């Protein structure tokens, strides 16, 4: 699924979900909440994911 307010990346068994509304300082909107719900539902169905990292985008979260 494509998301407008999230960035989803997989790194092996780790799924990274980043909030991607930096211009709005990642303020939650109904669209973002709906997309988070869908992203977690997709993750729950994916047996290859063991860990979920939820972050707030490049401005607030650094990934090695």
N, C-alpha and C. Protein backbone atom coordinates (compact mmCIF):
# COMPACT_ATOMS: atom_id res chain seq x y z
N UNK A 1 0.84 -1.19 0.00
CA UNK A 1 0.00 0.00 0.00
C UNK A 1 0.88 1.25 0.00
N UNK A 2 0.46 2.25 -0.71
CA UNK A 2 1.19 3.52 -0.74
C UNK A 2 0.63 4.43 0.36
N UNK A 3 1.53 5.13 1.02
CA UNK A 3 1.14 6.02 2.11
C UNK A 3 1.58 7.44 1.78
N UNK A 4 0.74 8.41 2.12
CA UNK A 4 1.06 9.82 1.91
C UNK A 4 1.74 10.44 3.12
N UNK A 5 1.44 9.93 4.32
CA UNK A 5 1.93 10.56 5.54
C UNK A 5 2.95 9.69 6.28
N UNK A 6 3.30 8.55 5.71
CA UNK A 6 4.25 7.63 6.33
C UNK A 6 5.29 7.19 5.32
N UNK A 7 6.45 6.83 5.83
CA UNK A 7 7.47 6.15 5.03
C UNK A 7 7.70 4.79 5.68
N UNK A 8 7.64 3.74 4.89
CA UNK A 8 7.80 2.38 5.40
C UNK A 8 9.04 1.78 4.74
N UNK A 9 9.93 1.24 5.58
CA UNK A 9 11.13 0.57 5.07
C UNK A 9 11.31 -0.73 5.83
N UNK A 10 11.78 -1.74 5.13
CA UNK A 10 12.12 -3.01 5.76
C UNK A 10 13.62 -3.20 5.73
N UNK A 11 14.15 -3.64 6.85
CA UNK A 11 15.57 -3.95 6.98
C UNK A 11 15.65 -5.32 7.62
N UNK A 12 15.61 -6.35 6.80
CA UNK A 12 15.56 -7.71 7.33
C UNK A 12 14.26 -7.91 8.07
N UNK A 13 14.34 -8.33 9.33
CA UNK A 13 13.15 -8.58 10.14
C UNK A 13 12.66 -7.32 10.85
N UNK A 14 13.27 -6.17 10.54
CA UNK A 14 12.90 -4.90 11.18
C UNK A 14 12.13 -4.05 10.18
N UNK A 15 10.96 -3.60 10.57
CA UNK A 15 10.19 -2.66 9.76
C UNK A 15 10.25 -1.30 10.42
N UNK A 16 10.62 -0.31 9.63
CA UNK A 16 10.70 1.07 10.12
C UNK A 16 9.52 1.84 9.56
N UNK A 17 8.73 2.42 10.45
CA UNK A 17 7.59 3.25 10.07
C UNK A 17 7.89 4.66 10.55
N UNK A 18 8.02 5.58 9.61
CA UNK A 18 8.33 6.97 9.94
C UNK A 18 7.16 7.87 9.61
N UNK A 19 6.87 8.78 10.53
CA UNK A 19 5.89 9.82 10.25
C UNK A 19 6.52 10.78 9.26
N UNK A 20 5.81 11.13 8.21
CA UNK A 20 6.41 11.90 7.12
C UNK A 20 5.60 13.17 6.81
N UNK A 21 5.32 13.93 7.84
CA UNK A 21 4.67 15.24 7.66
C UNK A 21 5.54 16.29 8.32
N UNK A 22 6.78 16.34 7.90
CA UNK A 22 7.74 17.22 8.56
C UNK A 22 7.36 18.69 8.44
N UNK A 23 6.77 19.09 7.34
CA UNK A 23 6.37 20.50 7.18
C UNK A 23 5.34 20.90 8.22
N UNK A 24 4.57 19.91 8.71
CA UNK A 24 3.58 20.16 9.75
C UNK A 24 4.08 19.68 11.11
N UNK A 25 5.41 19.46 11.21
CA UNK A 25 6.04 18.95 12.43
C UNK A 25 5.42 17.63 12.88
N UNK A 26 5.01 16.83 11.88
CA UNK A 26 4.43 15.51 12.10
C UNK A 26 3.18 15.54 12.98
N UNK A 27 2.44 16.64 12.90
CA UNK A 27 1.16 16.70 13.60
C UNK A 27 0.25 15.60 13.05
N UNK A 28 -0.43 14.93 13.95
CA UNK A 28 -1.28 13.84 13.52
C UNK A 28 -2.55 14.39 12.90
N UNK A 29 -2.91 13.79 11.79
CA UNK A 29 -4.17 14.11 11.11
C UNK A 29 -4.98 12.81 11.06
N UNK A 30 -6.22 12.93 10.69
CA UNK A 30 -7.04 11.71 10.56
C UNK A 30 -6.45 10.80 9.49
N UNK A 31 -5.93 11.38 8.41
CA UNK A 31 -5.31 10.58 7.37
C UNK A 31 -4.11 9.80 7.92
N UNK A 32 -3.27 10.48 8.72
CA UNK A 32 -2.12 9.80 9.29
C UNK A 32 -2.55 8.67 10.22
N UNK A 33 -3.54 8.92 11.05
CA UNK A 33 -4.03 7.88 11.96
C UNK A 33 -4.57 6.69 11.18
N UNK A 34 -5.30 6.95 10.10
CA UNK A 34 -5.82 5.86 9.26
C UNK A 34 -4.68 5.08 8.62
N UNK A 35 -3.65 5.81 8.15
CA UNK A 35 -2.52 5.14 7.53
C UNK A 35 -1.71 4.34 8.55
N UNK A 36 -1.56 4.86 9.76
CA UNK A 36 -0.88 4.10 10.81
C UNK A 36 -1.64 2.81 11.12
N UNK A 37 -2.95 2.91 11.20
CA UNK A 37 -3.77 1.72 11.44
C UNK A 37 -3.55 0.69 10.34
N UNK A 38 -3.55 1.13 9.08
CA UNK A 38 -3.32 0.23 7.96
C UNK A 38 -1.91 -0.35 7.97
N UNK A 39 -0.92 0.49 8.30
CA UNK A 39 0.47 0.02 8.32
C UNK A 39 0.68 -1.04 9.39
N UNK A 40 0.10 -0.84 10.57
CA UNK A 40 0.23 -1.85 11.62
C UNK A 40 -0.55 -3.11 11.28
N UNK A 41 -1.69 -2.98 10.62
CA UNK A 41 -2.44 -4.16 10.19
C UNK A 41 -1.64 -4.94 9.15
N UNK A 42 -1.01 -4.24 8.20
CA UNK A 42 -0.16 -4.91 7.21
C UNK A 42 1.01 -5.60 7.89
N UNK A 43 1.59 -4.95 8.87
CA UNK A 43 2.73 -5.51 9.60
C UNK A 43 2.32 -6.77 10.36
N UNK A 44 1.15 -6.74 10.96
CA UNK A 44 0.67 -7.90 11.73
C UNK A 44 0.49 -9.12 10.83
N UNK A 45 0.18 -8.90 9.56
CA UNK A 45 0.00 -10.02 8.61
C UNK A 45 1.31 -10.51 8.01
N UNK A 46 2.40 -9.78 8.24
CA UNK A 46 3.69 -10.12 7.63
C UNK A 46 4.55 -10.90 8.63
N UNK A 47 4.65 -12.19 8.44
CA UNK A 47 5.40 -13.05 9.36
C UNK A 47 6.91 -12.80 9.32
N UNK A 48 7.40 -12.09 8.32
CA UNK A 48 8.84 -11.84 8.23
C UNK A 48 9.29 -10.69 9.12
N UNK A 49 8.34 -9.92 9.66
CA UNK A 49 8.68 -8.77 10.51
C UNK A 49 8.63 -9.20 11.97
N UNK A 50 9.74 -8.98 12.69
CA UNK A 50 9.81 -9.30 14.11
C UNK A 50 9.85 -8.06 14.99
N UNK A 51 10.28 -6.93 14.43
CA UNK A 51 10.45 -5.70 15.21
C UNK A 51 9.90 -4.54 14.39
N UNK A 52 9.20 -3.63 15.07
CA UNK A 52 8.72 -2.40 14.43
C UNK A 52 9.36 -1.22 15.15
N UNK A 53 9.95 -0.31 14.37
CA UNK A 53 10.50 0.93 14.90
C UNK A 53 9.61 2.04 14.37
N UNK A 54 9.01 2.77 15.28
CA UNK A 54 8.16 3.90 14.91
C UNK A 54 8.93 5.17 15.21
N UNK A 55 9.11 6.00 14.19
CA UNK A 55 9.88 7.22 14.35
C UNK A 55 9.16 8.42 13.77
N UNK A 56 9.77 9.58 13.94
CA UNK A 56 9.14 10.82 13.53
C UNK A 56 9.82 11.48 12.35
N UNK A 57 10.46 10.74 11.50
CA UNK A 57 11.05 11.32 10.32
C UNK A 57 12.47 11.79 10.53
N UNK A 58 13.08 12.28 9.46
CA UNK A 58 14.49 12.65 9.49
C UNK A 58 14.81 13.77 10.46
N UNK A 59 13.88 14.66 10.71
CA UNK A 59 14.16 15.78 11.61
C UNK A 59 14.34 15.35 13.05
N UNK A 60 13.73 14.25 13.44
CA UNK A 60 13.73 13.84 14.83
C UNK A 60 14.34 12.48 15.08
N UNK A 61 14.61 11.72 14.03
CA UNK A 61 14.98 10.31 14.18
C UNK A 61 16.19 10.03 13.30
N UNK A 62 17.20 9.46 13.84
CA UNK A 62 18.38 9.10 13.04
C UNK A 62 18.50 7.60 12.99
N UNK A 63 18.62 7.10 11.79
CA UNK A 63 18.81 5.67 11.56
C UNK A 63 20.24 5.45 11.09
N UNK A 64 20.93 4.53 11.70
CA UNK A 64 22.33 4.33 11.30
C UNK A 64 22.48 3.94 9.85
